[in-house]
Amino acid sequence: MPLSEQEQRLLDEMERHLLQNDADVVTAPSGDRSLSYRNLVYGALLLLAGVGGLIAAVALGSSLGNVLSIIIGVVAFLAMLAGVMVAFTPVRRTEAPRPSHAKESAGSASFMDRMNDRWDRRQGER
């Protein structure tokens, strides 16, 4: 069933509005903070150590005694909590953000830069 002229105009207007808003979202600056790969690794290791400590506290609970088992469990839980906090704490970027229109080679450009470049090329074709 074909669309009426009014429905077609409304659909075209909605598409233009959507494309304009999506372009604004894609090019919006993400701020000066980001997650660090190093912090993610350290946090994950600390989290795994905490899980190991908690398992050890439960497994050795009867042979170590209840009080020592509880202390080890609490320390392990705090280690897990610290690991999550370390992993997801954003760090301040030291370099200035690059302009999104700068052309880079495909190997050195970030994923978002490549997606922004593809978006710009598609918008230029219309």
PDB file of N, CA and C in Angstrom:
ATOM      1  N   MET A   1       0.847  -1.167   0.000  1.00  0.00           N
ATOM      2  CA  MET A   1       0.000   0.000   0.000  1.00  0.00           C
ATOM      3  C   MET A   1       0.897   1.236   0.000  1.00  0.00           C
ATOM      4  N   PRO A   2       0.790   2.083  -1.024  1.00  0.00           N
ATOM      5  CA  PRO A   2       1.651   3.272  -1.110  1.00  0.00           C
ATOM      6  C   PRO A   2       1.246   4.318  -0.065  1.00  0.00           C
ATOM      7  N   LEU A   3       2.227   5.142   0.298  1.00  0.00           N
ATOM      8  CA  LEU A   3       1.988   6.209   1.271  1.00  0.00           C
ATOM      9  C   LEU A   3       1.385   7.419   0.576  1.00  0.00           C
ATOM     10  N   SER A   4       0.561   8.139   1.300  1.00  0.00           N
ATOM     11  CA  SER A   4       0.022   9.376   0.747  1.00  0.00           C
ATOM     12  C   SER A   4       1.128  10.430   0.743  1.00  0.00           C
ATOM     13  N   GLU A   5       0.876  11.551   0.061  1.00  0.00           N
ATOM     14  CA  GLU A   5       1.884  12.612  -0.017  1.00  0.00           C
ATOM     15  C   GLU A   5       2.206  13.165   1.362  1.00  0.00           C
ATOM     16  N   GLN A   6       1.201  13.344   2.179  1.00  0.00           N
ATOM     17  CA  GLN A   6       1.428  13.877   3.524  1.00  0.00           C
ATOM     18  C   GLN A   6       2.240  12.889   4.365  1.00  0.00           C
ATOM     19  N   GLU A   7       1.936  11.599   4.262  1.00  0.00           N
ATOM     20  CA  GLU A   7       2.682  10.596   5.011  1.00  0.00           C
ATOM     21  C   GLU A   7       4.126  10.513   4.525  1.00  0.00           C
ATOM     22  N   GLN A   8       4.325  10.634   3.208  1.00  0.00           N
ATOM     23  CA  GLN A   8       5.680  10.601   2.653  1.00  0.00           C
ATOM     24  C   GLN A   8       6.483  11.805   3.122  1.00  0.00           C
ATOM     25  N   ARG A   9       5.868  13.009   3.131  1.00  0.00           N
ATOM     26  CA  ARG A   9       6.565  14.202   3.608  1.00  0.00           C
ATOM     27  C   ARG A   9       6.912  14.060   5.078  1.00  0.00           C
ATOM     28  N   LEU A  10       5.982  13.547   5.864  1.00  0.00           N
ATOM     29  CA  LEU A  10       6.217  13.359   7.291  1.00  0.00           C
ATOM     30  C   LEU A  10       7.348  12.355   7.522  1.00  0.00           C
ATOM     31  N   LEU A  11       7.353  11.278   6.754  1.00  0.00           N
ATOM     32  CA  LEU A  11       8.414  10.284   6.876  1.00  0.00           C
ATOM     33  C   LEU A  11       9.770  10.879   6.495  1.00  0.00           C
ATOM     34  N   ASP A  12       9.822  11.653   5.407  1.00  0.00           N
ATOM     35  CA  ASP A  12      11.071  12.303   5.004  1.00  0.00           C
ATOM     36  C   ASP A  12      11.562  13.275   6.064  1.00  0.00           C
ATOM     37  N   GLU A  13      10.639  14.034   6.654  1.00  0.00           N
ATOM     38  CA  GLU A  13      11.017  14.980   7.708  1.00  0.00           C
ATOM     39  C   GLU A  13      11.556  14.242   8.937  1.00  0.00           C
ATOM     40  N   MET A  14      10.913  13.140   9.287  1.00  0.00           N
ATOM     41  CA  MET A  14      11.387  12.363  10.433  1.00  0.00           C
ATOM     42  C   MET A  14      12.772  11.772  10.168  1.00  0.00           C
ATOM     43  N   GLU A  15      13.024  11.312   8.952  1.00  0.00           N
ATOM     44  CA  GLU A  15      14.341  10.774   8.604  1.00  0.00           C
ATOM     45  C   GLU A  15      15.414  11.852   8.686  1.00  0.00           C
ATOM     46  N   ARG A  16      15.118  13.032   8.143  1.00  0.00           N
ATOM     47  CA  ARG A  16      16.089  14.129   8.213  1.00  0.00           C
ATOM     48  C   ARG A  16      16.388  14.500   9.656  1.00  0.00           C
ATOM     49  N   HIS A  17      15.347  14.579  10.471  1.00  0.00           N
ATOM     50  CA  HIS A  17      15.527  14.933  11.875  1.00  0.00           C
ATOM     51  C   HIS A  17      16.347  13.865  12.601  1.00  0.00           C
ATOM     52  N   LEU A  18      16.065  12.608  12.317  1.00  0.00           N
ATOM     53  CA  LEU A  18      16.790  11.518  12.945  1.00  0.00           C
ATOM     54  C   LEU A  18      18.260  11.527  12.534  1.00  0.00           C
ATOM     55  N   LEU A  19      18.526  11.710  11.248  1.00  0.00           N
ATOM     56  CA  LEU A  19      19.907  11.753  10.774  1.00  0.00           C
ATOM     57  C   LEU A  19      20.661  12.927  11.382  1.00  0.00           C
ATOM     58  N   GLN A  20      20.002  14.068  11.502  1.00  0.00           N
ATOM     59  CA  GLN A  20      20.641  15.236  12.088  1.00  0.00           C
ATOM     60  C   GLN A  20      20.967  14.985  13.563  1.00  0.00           C
ATOM     61  N   ASN A  21      20.044  14.413  14.303  1.00  0.00           N
ATOM     62  CA  ASN A  21      20.282  14.145  15.722  1.00  0.00           C
ATOM     63  C   ASN A  21      21.320  13.056  15.916  1.00  0.00           C
ATOM     64  N   ASP A  22      21.317  12.021  15.078  1.00  0.00           N
ATOM     65  CA  ASP A  22      22.316  10.967  15.197  1.00  0.00           C
ATOM     66  C   ASP A  22      23.705  11.518  14.928  1.00  0.00           C
ATOM     67  N   ALA A  23      23.827  12.405  13.965  1.00  0.00           N
ATOM     68  CA  ALA A  23      25.129  12.999  13.684  1.00  0.00           C
ATOM     69  C   ALA A  23      25.612  13.803  14.879  1.00  0.00           C
ATOM     70  N   ASP A  24      24.715  14.476  15.579  1.00  0.00           N
ATOM     71  CA  ASP A  24      25.101  15.230  16.767  1.00  0.00           C
ATOM     72  C   ASP A  24      25.584  14.292  17.867  1.00  0.00           C
ATOM     73  N   VAL A  25      24.949  13.148  18.015  1.00  0.00           N
ATOM     74  CA  VAL A  25      25.341  12.196  19.055  1.00  0.00           C
ATOM     75  C   VAL A  25      26.691  11.587  18.733  1.00  0.00           C
ATOM     76  N   VAL A  26      26.914  11.244  17.475  1.00  0.00           N
ATOM     77  CA  VAL A  26      28.166  10.603  17.083  1.00  0.00           C
ATOM     78  C   VAL A  26      29.343  11.546  17.260  1.00  0.00           C
ATOM     79  N   THR A  27      29.169  12.823  16.980  1.00  0.00           N
ATOM     80  CA  THR A  27      30.281  13.752  17.060  1.00  0.00           C
ATOM     81  C   THR A  27      30.384  14.445  18.410  1.00  0.00           C
ATOM     82  N   ALA A  28      29.513  14.109  19.357  1.00  0.00           N
ATOM     83  CA  ALA A  28      29.565  14.739  20.673  1.00  0.00           C
ATOM     84  C   ALA A  28      30.838  14.323  21.399  1.00  0.00           C
ATOM     85  N   PRO A  29      31.486  15.254  22.079  1.00  0.00           N
ATOM     86  CA  PRO A  29      32.695  14.891  22.815  1.00  0.00           C
ATOM     87  C   PRO A  29      32.361  13.993  23.992  1.00  0.00           C
ATOM     88  N   SER A  30      33.233  13.055  24.265  1.00  0.00           N
ATOM     89  CA  SER A  30      32.974  12.095  25.335  1.00  0.00           C
ATOM     90  C   SER A  30      33.538  12.546  26.669  1.00  0.00           C
ATOM     91  N   GLY A  31      34.064  13.736  26.744  1.00  0.00           N
ATOM     92  CA  GLY A  31      34.628  14.223  27.988  1.00  0.00           C
ATOM     93  C   GLY A  31      36.123  13.970  28.029  1.00  0.00           C
ATOM     94  N   ASP A  32      36.720  14.301  29.146  1.00  0.00           N
ATOM     95  CA  ASP A  32      38.168  14.146  29.248  1.00  0.00           C
ATOM     96  C   ASP A  32      38.543  12.971  30.140  1.00  0.00           C
ATOM     97  N   ARG A  33      37.612  12.060  30.379  1.00  0.00           N
ATOM     98  CA  ARG A  33      37.887  10.886  31.207  1.00  0.00           C
ATOM     99  C   ARG A  33      37.530   9.628  30.434  1.00  0.00           C
ATOM    100  N   SER A  34      38.349   8.593  30.645  1.00  0.00           N
ATOM    101  CA  SER A  34      38.068   7.315  29.999  1.00  0.00           C
ATOM    102  C   SER A  34      38.622   6.198  30.883  1.00  0.00           C
ATOM    103  N   LEU A  35      38.217   4.970  30.581  1.00  0.00           N
ATOM    104  CA  LEU A  35      38.713   3.826  31.336  1.00  0.00           C
ATOM    105  C   LEU A  35      40.100   3.456  30.845  1.00  0.00           C
ATOM    106  N   SER A  36      40.924   3.014  31.766  1.00  0.00           N
ATOM    107  CA  SER A  36      42.290   2.629  31.447  1.00  0.00           C
ATOM    108  C   SER A  36      42.390   1.115  31.360  1.00  0.00           C
ATOM    109  N   TYR A  37      43.071   0.630  30.351  1.00  0.00           N
ATOM    110  CA  TYR A  37      43.262  -0.806  30.187  1.00  0.00           C
ATOM    111  C   TYR A  37      44.043  -1.364  31.377  1.00  0.00           C
ATOM    112  N   ARG A  38      45.031  -0.634  31.831  1.00  0.00           N
ATOM    113  CA  ARG A  38      45.845  -1.064  32.968  1.00  0.00           C
ATOM    114  C   ARG A  38      44.977  -1.209  34.226  1.00  0.00           C
ATOM    115  N   ASN A  39      44.110  -0.229  34.467  1.00  0.00           N
ATOM    116  CA  ASN A  39      43.236  -0.305  35.631  1.00  0.00           C
ATOM    117  C   ASN A  39      42.255  -1.468  35.522  1.00  0.00           C
ATOM    118  N   LEU A  40      41.759  -1.736  34.315  1.00  0.00           N
ATOM    119  CA  LEU A  40      40.870  -2.879  34.125  1.00  0.00           C
ATOM    120  C   LEU A  40      41.571  -4.191  34.454  1.00  0.00           C
ATOM    121  N   VAL A  41      42.826  -4.329  34.034  1.00  0.00           N
ATOM    122  CA  VAL A  41      43.573  -5.558  34.304  1.00  0.00           C
ATOM    123  C   VAL A  41      43.856  -5.688  35.796  1.00  0.00           C
ATOM    124  N   TYR A  42      44.333  -4.608  36.418  1.00  0.00           N
ATOM    125  CA  TYR A  42      44.617  -4.659  37.861  1.00  0.00           C
ATOM    126  C   TYR A  42      43.342  -4.934  38.655  1.00  0.00           C
ATOM    127  N   GLY A  43      42.259  -4.309  38.275  1.00  0.00           N
ATOM    128  CA  GLY A  43      40.998  -4.539  38.962  1.00  0.00           C
ATOM    129  C   GLY A  43      40.514  -5.970  38.819  1.00  0.00           C
ATOM    130  N   ALA A  44      40.650  -6.526  37.611  1.00  0.00           N
ATOM    131  CA  ALA A  44      40.234  -7.914  37.389  1.00  0.00           C
ATOM    132  C   ALA A  44      41.096  -8.876  38.207  1.00  0.00           C
ATOM    133  N   LEU A  45      42.406  -8.626  38.274  1.00  0.00           N
ATOM    134  CA  LEU A  45      43.281  -9.480  39.077  1.00  0.00           C
ATOM    135  C   LEU A  45      42.940  -9.392  40.559  1.00  0.00           C
ATOM    136  N   LEU A  46      42.663  -8.186  41.030  1.00  0.00           N
ATOM    137  CA  LEU A  46      42.288  -8.011  42.428  1.00  0.00           C
ATOM    138  C   LEU A  46      40.943  -8.684  42.720  1.00  0.00           C
ATOM    139  N   LEU A  47      40.035  -8.590  41.785  1.00  0.00           N
ATOM    140  CA  LEU A  47      38.737  -9.251  41.934  1.00  0.00           C
ATOM    141  C   LEU A  47      38.902 -10.769  41.997  1.00  0.00           C
ATOM    142  N   LEU A  48      39.721 -11.327  41.117  1.00  0.00           N
ATOM    143  CA  LEU A  48      39.958 -12.774  41.129  1.00  0.00           C
ATOM    144  C   LEU A  48      40.661 -13.212  42.407  1.00  0.00           C
ATOM    145  N   ALA A  49      41.593 -12.395  42.897  1.00  0.00           N
ATOM    146  CA  ALA A  49      42.260 -12.725  44.158  1.00  0.00           C
ATOM    147  C   ALA A  49      41.252 -12.717  45.306  1.00  0.00           C
ATOM    148  N   GLY A  50      40.329 -11.763  45.286  1.00  0.00           N
ATOM    149  CA  GLY A  50      39.299 -11.713  46.315  1.00  0.00           C
ATOM    150  C   GLY A  50      38.379 -12.911  46.261  1.00  0.00           C
ATOM    151  N   VAL A  51      37.996 -13.332  45.059  1.00  0.00           N
ATOM    152  CA  VAL A  51      37.145 -14.518  44.924  1.00  0.00           C
ATOM    153  C   VAL A  51      37.892 -15.750  45.432  1.00  0.00           C
ATOM    154  N   GLY A  52      39.181 -15.852  45.091  1.00  0.00           N
ATOM    155  CA  GLY A  52      39.989 -16.968  45.586  1.00  0.00           C
ATOM    156  C   GLY A  52      40.087 -16.959  47.105  1.00  0.00           C
ATOM    157  N   GLY A  53      40.273 -15.769  47.678  1.00  0.00           N
ATOM    158  CA  GLY A  53      40.335 -15.672  49.132  1.00  0.00           C
ATOM    159  C   GLY A  53      39.024 -16.048  49.787  1.00  0.00           C
ATOM    160  N   LEU A  54      37.915 -15.651  49.169  1.00  0.00           N
ATOM    161  CA  LEU A  54      36.599 -16.001  49.720  1.00  0.00           C
ATOM    162  C   LEU A  54      36.352 -17.509  49.654  1.00  0.00           C
ATOM    163  N   ILE A  55      36.740 -18.121  48.553  1.00  0.00           N
ATOM    164  CA  ILE A  55      36.599 -19.575  48.432  1.00  0.00           C
ATOM    165  C   ILE A  55      37.491 -20.274  49.449  1.00  0.00           C
ATOM    166  N   ALA A  56      38.720 -19.783  49.614  1.00  0.00           N
ATOM    167  CA  ALA A  56      39.629 -20.379  50.601  1.00  0.00           C
ATOM    168  C   ALA A  56      39.072 -20.229  52.009  1.00  0.00           C
ATOM    169  N   ALA A  57      38.470 -19.092  52.335  1.00  0.00           N
ATOM    170  CA  ALA A  57      37.901 -18.880  53.668  1.00  0.00           C
ATOM    171  C   ALA A  57      36.757 -19.848  53.929  1.00  0.00           C
ATOM    172  N   VAL A  58      35.943 -20.102  52.931  1.00  0.00           N
ATOM    173  CA  VAL A  58      34.825 -21.039  53.107  1.00  0.00           C
ATOM    174  C   VAL A  58      35.349 -22.470  53.209  1.00  0.00           C
ATOM    175  N   ALA A  59      36.315 -22.822  52.361  1.00  0.00           N
ATOM    176  CA  ALA A  59      36.828 -24.193  52.340  1.00  0.00           C
ATOM    177  C   ALA A  59      37.607 -24.527  53.615  1.00  0.00           C
ATOM    178  N   LEU A  60      38.365 -23.558  54.115  1.00  0.00           N
ATOM    179  CA  LEU A  60      39.185 -23.808  55.290  1.00  0.00           C
ATOM    180  C   LEU A  60      38.522 -23.346  56.584  1.00  0.00           C
ATOM    181  N   GLY A  61      37.262 -23.007  56.537  1.00  0.00           N
ATOM    182  CA  GLY A  61      36.551 -22.470  57.691  1.00  0.00           C
ATOM    183  C   GLY A  61      36.555 -23.381  58.897  1.00  0.00           C
ATOM    184  N   SER A  62      36.370 -24.670  58.691  1.00  0.00           N
ATOM    185  CA  SER A  62      36.303 -25.574  59.843  1.00  0.00           C
ATOM    186  C   SER A  62      37.682 -25.848  60.433  1.00  0.00           C
ATOM    187  N   SER A  63      38.719 -25.861  59.585  1.00  0.00           N
ATOM    188  CA  SER A  63      40.053 -26.161  60.112  1.00  0.00           C
ATOM    189  C   SER A  63      40.741 -24.931  60.710  1.00  0.00           C
ATOM    190  N   LEU A  64      40.430 -23.728  60.229  1.00  0.00           N
ATOM    191  CA  LEU A  64      41.065 -22.512  60.747  1.00  0.00           C
ATOM    192  C   LEU A  64      40.357 -21.960  61.976  1.00  0.00           C
ATOM    193  N   GLY A  65      39.117 -22.198  62.102  1.00  0.00           N
ATOM    194  CA  GLY A  65      38.325 -21.613  63.178  1.00  0.00           C
ATOM    195  C   GLY A  65      37.391 -20.579  62.595  1.00  0.00           C
ATOM    196  N   ASN A  66      36.317 -20.348  63.253  1.00  0.00           N
ATOM    197  CA  ASN A  66      35.288 -19.463  62.719  1.00  0.00           C
ATOM    198  C   ASN A  66      35.729 -18.015  62.627  1.00  0.00           C
ATOM    199  N   VAL A  67      36.415 -17.494  63.632  1.00  0.00           N
ATOM    200  CA  VAL A  67      36.794 -16.079  63.644  1.00  0.00           C
ATOM    201  C   VAL A  67      37.796 -15.777  62.543  1.00  0.00           C
ATOM    202  N   LEU A  68      38.808 -16.611  62.393  1.00  0.00           N
ATOM    203  CA  LEU A  68      39.812 -16.400  61.345  1.00  0.00           C
ATOM    204  C   LEU A  68      39.182 -16.548  59.964  1.00  0.00           C
ATOM    205  N   SER A  69      38.269 -17.477  59.817  1.00  0.00           N
ATOM    206  CA  SER A  69      37.571 -17.671  58.555  1.00  0.00           C
ATOM    207  C   SER A  69      36.745 -16.430  58.192  1.00  0.00           C
ATOM    208  N   ILE A  70      36.087 -15.853  59.167  1.00  0.00           N
ATOM    209  CA  ILE A  70      35.286 -14.645  58.923  1.00  0.00           C
ATOM    210  C   ILE A  70      36.185 -13.477  58.549  1.00  0.00           C
ATOM    211  N   ILE A  71      37.317 -13.338  59.229  1.00  0.00           N
ATOM    212  CA  ILE A  71      38.253 -12.244  58.924  1.00  0.00           C
ATOM    213  C   ILE A  71      38.783 -12.383  57.500  1.00  0.00           C
ATOM    214  N   ILE A  72      39.169 -13.591  57.105  1.00  0.00           N
ATOM    215  CA  ILE A  72      39.661 -13.819  55.735  1.00  0.00           C
ATOM    216  C   ILE A  72      38.548 -13.532  54.720  1.00  0.00           C
ATOM    217  N   GLY A  73      37.325 -13.920  55.032  1.00  0.00           N
ATOM    218  CA  GLY A  73      36.203 -13.656  54.130  1.00  0.00           C
ATOM    219  C   GLY A  73      35.933 -12.172  53.959  1.00  0.00           C
ATOM    220  N   VAL A  74      35.999 -11.420  55.051  1.00  0.00           N
ATOM    221  CA  VAL A  74      35.773  -9.976  54.974  1.00  0.00           C
ATOM    222  C   VAL A  74      36.885  -9.299  54.181  1.00  0.00           C
ATOM    223  N   VAL A  75      38.132  -9.701  54.421  1.00  0.00           N
ATOM    224  CA  VAL A  75      39.257  -9.135  53.668  1.00  0.00           C
ATOM    225  C   VAL A  75      39.116  -9.469  52.180  1.00  0.00           C
ATOM    226  N   ALA A  76      38.698 -10.697  51.877  1.00  0.00           N
ATOM    227  CA  ALA A  76      38.513 -11.092  50.479  1.00  0.00           C
ATOM    228  C   ALA A  76      37.397 -10.282  49.828  1.00  0.00           C
ATOM    229  N   PHE A  77      36.303 -10.051  50.567  1.00  0.00           N
ATOM    230  CA  PHE A  77      35.219  -9.243  50.026  1.00  0.00           C
ATOM    231  C   PHE A  77      35.685  -7.813  49.762  1.00  0.00           C
ATOM    232  N   LEU A  78      36.453  -7.252  50.679  1.00  0.00           N
ATOM    233  CA  LEU A  78      36.978  -5.895  50.478  1.00  0.00           C
ATOM    234  C   LEU A  78      37.932  -5.843  49.282  1.00  0.00           C
ATOM    235  N   ALA A  79      38.698  -6.919  49.072  1.00  0.00           N
ATOM    236  CA  ALA A  79      39.575  -6.984  47.904  1.00  0.00           C
ATOM    237  C   ALA A  79      38.757  -7.002  46.615  1.00  0.00           C
ATOM    238  N   MET A  80      37.654  -7.756  46.613  1.00  0.00           N
ATOM    239  CA  MET A  80      36.788  -7.776  45.425  1.00  0.00           C
ATOM    240  C   MET A  80      36.183  -6.403  45.172  1.00  0.00           C
ATOM    241  N   LEU A  81      35.729  -5.748  46.219  1.00  0.00           N
ATOM    242  CA  LEU A  81      35.154  -4.416  46.085  1.00  0.00           C
ATOM    243  C   LEU A  81      36.190  -3.421  45.565  1.00  0.00           C
ATOM    244  N   ALA A  82      37.400  -3.498  46.102  1.00  0.00           N
ATOM    245  CA  ALA A  82      38.473  -2.617  45.632  1.00  0.00           C
ATOM    246  C   ALA A  82      38.813  -2.907  44.169  1.00  0.00           C
ATOM    247  N   GLY A  83      38.781  -4.174  43.775  1.00  0.00           N
ATOM    248  CA  GLY A  83      39.064  -4.530  42.385  1.00  0.00           C
ATOM    249  C   GLY A  83      38.058  -3.928  41.425  1.00  0.00           C
ATOM    250  N   VAL A  84      36.790  -3.958  41.788  1.00  0.00           N
ATOM    251  CA  VAL A  84      35.756  -3.359  40.942  1.00  0.00           C
ATOM    252  C   VAL A  84      35.939  -1.845  40.883  1.00  0.00           C
ATOM    253  N   MET A  85      36.256  -1.248  42.014  1.00  0.00           N
ATOM    254  CA  MET A  85      36.449   0.211  42.035  1.00  0.00           C
ATOM    255  C   MET A  85      37.659   0.617  41.200  1.00  0.00           C
ATOM    256  N   VAL A  86      38.752  -0.147  41.286  1.00  0.00           N
ATOM    257  CA  VAL A  86      39.948   0.154  40.489  1.00  0.00           C
ATOM    258  C   VAL A  86      39.650  -0.024  39.007  1.00  0.00           C
ATOM    259  N   ALA A  87      38.936  -1.084  38.661  1.00  0.00           N
ATOM    260  CA  ALA A  87      38.679  -1.387  37.252  1.00  0.00           C
ATOM    261  C   ALA A  87      37.829  -0.315  36.581  1.00  0.00           C
ATOM    262  N   PHE A  88      36.851   0.235  37.293  1.00  0.00           N
ATOM    263  CA  PHE A  88      35.922   1.161  36.659  1.00  0.00           C
ATOM    264  C   PHE A  88      36.119   2.611  37.058  1.00  0.00           C
ATOM    265  N   THR A  89      37.260   2.936  37.646  1.00  0.00           N
ATOM    266  CA  THR A  89      37.567   4.321  37.948  1.00  0.00           C
ATOM    267  C   THR A  89      38.137   4.971  36.695  1.00  0.00           C
ATOM    268  N   PRO A  90      37.502   6.026  36.192  1.00  0.00           N
ATOM    269  CA  PRO A  90      38.024   6.666  34.980  1.00  0.00           C
ATOM    270  C   PRO A  90      39.286   7.453  35.283  1.00  0.00           C
ATOM    271  N   VAL A  91      40.156   7.516  34.299  1.00  0.00           N
ATOM    272  CA  VAL A  91      41.388   8.297  34.426  1.00  0.00           C
ATOM    273  C   VAL A  91      41.303   9.480  33.473  1.00  0.00           C
ATOM    274  N   ARG A  92      41.975  10.545  33.823  1.00  0.00           N
ATOM    275  CA  ARG A  92      41.981  11.748  32.988  1.00  0.00           C
ATOM    276  C   ARG A  92      42.941  11.536  31.827  1.00  0.00           C
ATOM    277  N   ARG A  93      42.483  11.868  30.637  1.00  0.00           N
ATOM    278  CA  ARG A  93      43.338  11.760  29.450  1.00  0.00           C
ATOM    279  C   ARG A  93      44.369  12.870  29.471  1.00  0.00           C
ATOM    280  N   THR A  94      45.589  12.538  29.043  1.00  0.00           N
ATOM    281  CA  THR A  94      46.647  13.537  29.022  1.00  0.00           C
ATOM    282  C   THR A  94      46.786  14.209  27.664  1.00  0.00           C
ATOM    283  N   GLU A  95      46.324  13.569  26.613  1.00  0.00           N
ATOM    284  CA  GLU A  95      46.441  14.151  25.277  1.00  0.00           C
ATOM    285  C   GLU A  95      45.183  14.920  24.908  1.00  0.00           C
ATOM    286  N   ALA A  96      45.336  15.893  24.057  1.00  0.00           N
ATOM    287  CA  ALA A  96      44.194  16.680  23.590  1.00  0.00           C
ATOM    288  C   ALA A  96      43.399  15.842  22.596  1.00  0.00           C
ATOM    289  N   PRO A  97      42.072  15.958  22.603  1.00  0.00           N
ATOM    290  CA  PRO A  97      41.280  15.190  21.643  1.00  0.00           C
ATOM    291  C   PRO A  97      41.560  15.630  20.215  1.00  0.00           C
ATOM    292  N   ARG A  98      41.607  14.649  19.318  1.00  0.00           N
ATOM    293  CA  ARG A  98      41.876  14.937  17.915  1.00  0.00           C
ATOM    294  C   ARG A  98      40.599  15.368  17.207  1.00  0.00           C
ATOM    295  N   PRO A  99      40.741  16.224  16.187  1.00  0.00           N
ATOM    296  CA  PRO A  99      39.540  16.567  15.423  1.00  0.00           C
ATOM    297  C   PRO A  99      39.040  15.345  14.670  1.00  0.00           C
ATOM    298  N   SER A 100      37.714  15.211  14.599  1.00  0.00           N
ATOM    299  CA  SER A 100      37.134  14.007  13.997  1.00  0.00           C
ATOM    300  C   SER A 100      37.289  13.981  12.480  1.00  0.00           C
ATOM    301  N   HIS A 101      37.559  15.123  11.853  1.00  0.00           N
ATOM    302  CA  HIS A 101      37.652  15.140  10.399  1.00  0.00           C
ATOM    303  C   HIS A 101      39.059  14.829   9.908  1.00  0.00           C
ATOM    304  N   ALA A 102      40.010  14.637  10.808  1.00  0.00           N
ATOM    305  CA  ALA A 102      41.380  14.325  10.407  1.00  0.00           C
ATOM    306  C   ALA A 102      41.439  12.919   9.826  1.00  0.00           C
ATOM    307  N   LYS A 103      42.076  12.784   8.671  1.00  0.00           N
ATOM    308  CA  LYS A 103      42.199  11.484   8.019  1.00  0.00           C
ATOM    309  C   LYS A 103      43.422  10.770   8.572  1.00  0.00           C
ATOM    310  N   GLU A 104      43.233   9.508   8.952  1.00  0.00           N
ATOM    311  CA  GLU A 104      44.306   8.681   9.468  1.00  0.00           C
ATOM    312  C   GLU A 104      44.263   7.363   8.736  1.00  0.00           C
ATOM    313  N   SER A 105      45.344   6.618   8.856  1.00  0.00           N
ATOM    314  CA  SER A 105      45.340   5.298   8.248  1.00  0.00           C
ATOM    315  C   SER A 105      44.412   4.395   9.040  1.00  0.00           C
ATOM    316  N   ALA A 106      43.892   3.371   8.391  1.00  0.00           N
ATOM    317  CA  ALA A 106      42.894   2.511   9.023  1.00  0.00           C
ATOM    318  C   ALA A 106      43.477   1.772  10.226  1.00  0.00           C
ATOM    319  N   GLY A 107      44.777   1.493  10.232  1.00  0.00           N
ATOM    320  CA  GLY A 107      45.371   0.764  11.343  1.00  0.00           C
ATOM    321  C   GLY A 107      45.537   1.616  12.587  1.00  0.00           C
ATOM    322  N   SER A 108      45.784   2.913  12.437  1.00  0.00           N
ATOM    323  CA  SER A 108      46.053   3.744  13.608  1.00  0.00           C
ATOM    324  C   SER A 108      44.820   4.493  14.099  1.00  0.00           C
ATOM    325  N   ALA A 109      43.771   4.543  13.308  1.00  0.00           N
ATOM    326  CA  ALA A 109      42.563   5.252  13.719  1.00  0.00           C
ATOM    327  C   ALA A 109      41.766   4.398  14.693  1.00  0.00           C
ATOM    328  N   SER A 110      41.133   5.056  15.646  1.00  0.00           N
ATOM    329  CA  SER A 110      40.305   4.311  16.581  1.00  0.00           C
ATOM    330  C   SER A 110      39.015   3.882  15.884  1.00  0.00           C
ATOM    331  N   PHE A 111      38.311   2.976  16.510  1.00  0.00           N
ATOM    332  CA  PHE A 111      37.075   2.461  15.942  1.00  0.00           C
ATOM    333  C   PHE A 111      36.075   3.588  15.715  1.00  0.00           C
ATOM    334  N   MET A 112      35.913   4.466  16.711  1.00  0.00           N
ATOM    335  CA  MET A 112      34.940   5.542  16.592  1.00  0.00           C
ATOM    336  C   MET A 112      35.349   6.538  15.507  1.00  0.00           C
ATOM    337  N   ASP A 113      36.653   6.788  15.343  1.00  0.00           N
ATOM    338  CA  ASP A 113      37.089   7.682  14.269  1.00  0.00           C
ATOM    339  C   ASP A 113      36.740   7.100  12.905  1.00  0.00           C
ATOM    340  N   ARG A 114      36.948   5.796  12.751  1.00  0.00           N
ATOM    341  CA  ARG A 114      36.601   5.166  11.476  1.00  0.00           C
ATOM    342  C   ARG A 114      35.103   5.219  11.229  1.00  0.00           C
ATOM    343  N   MET A 115      34.308   4.989  12.285  1.00  0.00           N
ATOM    344  CA  MET A 115      32.848   5.051  12.125  1.00  0.00           C
ATOM    345  C   MET A 115      32.400   6.471  11.786  1.00  0.00           C
ATOM    346  N   ASN A 116      33.019   7.487  12.425  1.00  0.00           N
ATOM    347  CA  ASN A 116      32.687   8.873  12.106  1.00  0.00           C
ATOM    348  C   ASN A 116      33.022   9.202  10.658  1.00  0.00           C
ATOM    349  N   ASP A 117      34.179   8.725  10.181  1.00  0.00           N
ATOM    350  CA  ASP A 117      34.558   8.961   8.788  1.00  0.00           C
ATOM    351  C   ASP A 117      33.578   8.295   7.830  1.00  0.00           C
ATOM    352  N   ARG A 118      33.163   7.074   8.129  1.00  0.00           N
ATOM    353  CA  ARG A 118      32.187   6.387   7.275  1.00  0.00           C
ATOM    354  C   ARG A 118      30.855   7.127   7.273  1.00  0.00           C
ATOM    355  N   TRP A 119      30.442   7.613   8.447  1.00  0.00           N
ATOM    356  CA  TRP A 119      29.186   8.368   8.549  1.00  0.00           C
ATOM    357  C   TRP A 119      29.263   9.635   7.699  1.00  0.00           C
ATOM    358  N   ASP A 120      30.391  10.361   7.789  1.00  0.00           N
ATOM    359  CA  ASP A 120      30.551  11.581   7.003  1.00  0.00           C
ATOM    360  C   ASP A 120      30.520  11.290   5.513  1.00  0.00           C
ATOM    361  N   ARG A 121      31.164  10.198   5.073  1.00  0.00           N
ATOM    362  CA  ARG A 121      31.138   9.841   3.655  1.00  0.00           C
ATOM    363  C   ARG A 121      29.718   9.510   3.203  1.00  0.00           C
ATOM    364  N   ARG A 122      28.966   8.796   4.020  1.00  0.00           N
ATOM    365  CA  ARG A 122      27.592   8.463   3.655  1.00  0.00           C
ATOM    366  C   ARG A 122      26.725   9.707   3.573  1.00  0.00           C
ATOM    367  N   GLN A 123      26.912  10.640   4.486  1.00  0.00           N
ATOM    368  CA  GLN A 123      26.119  11.868   4.458  1.00  0.00           C
ATOM    369  C   GLN A 123      26.471  12.716   3.238  1.00  0.00           C
ATOM    370  N   GLY A 124      27.726  12.630   2.799  1.00  0.00           N
ATOM    371  CA  GLY A 124      28.137  13.373   1.607  1.00  0.00           C
ATOM    372  C   GLY A 124      27.548  12.806   0.332  1.00  0.00           C
ATOM    373  N   GLU A 125      27.224  11.521   0.318  1.00  0.00           N
ATOM    374  CA  GLU A 125      26.642  10.894  -0.867  1.00  0.00           C
ATOM    375  C   GLU A 125      25.202  11.294  -1.076  1.00  0.00           C
ATOM    376  N   ARG A 126      24.500  11.704  -0.037  1.00  0.00           N
ATOM    377  CA  ARG A 126      23.062  12.019  -0.147  1.00  0.00           C
ATOM    378  C   ARG A 126      22.824  13.371  -0.687  1.00  0.00           C
TER     379      ARG A 126
END
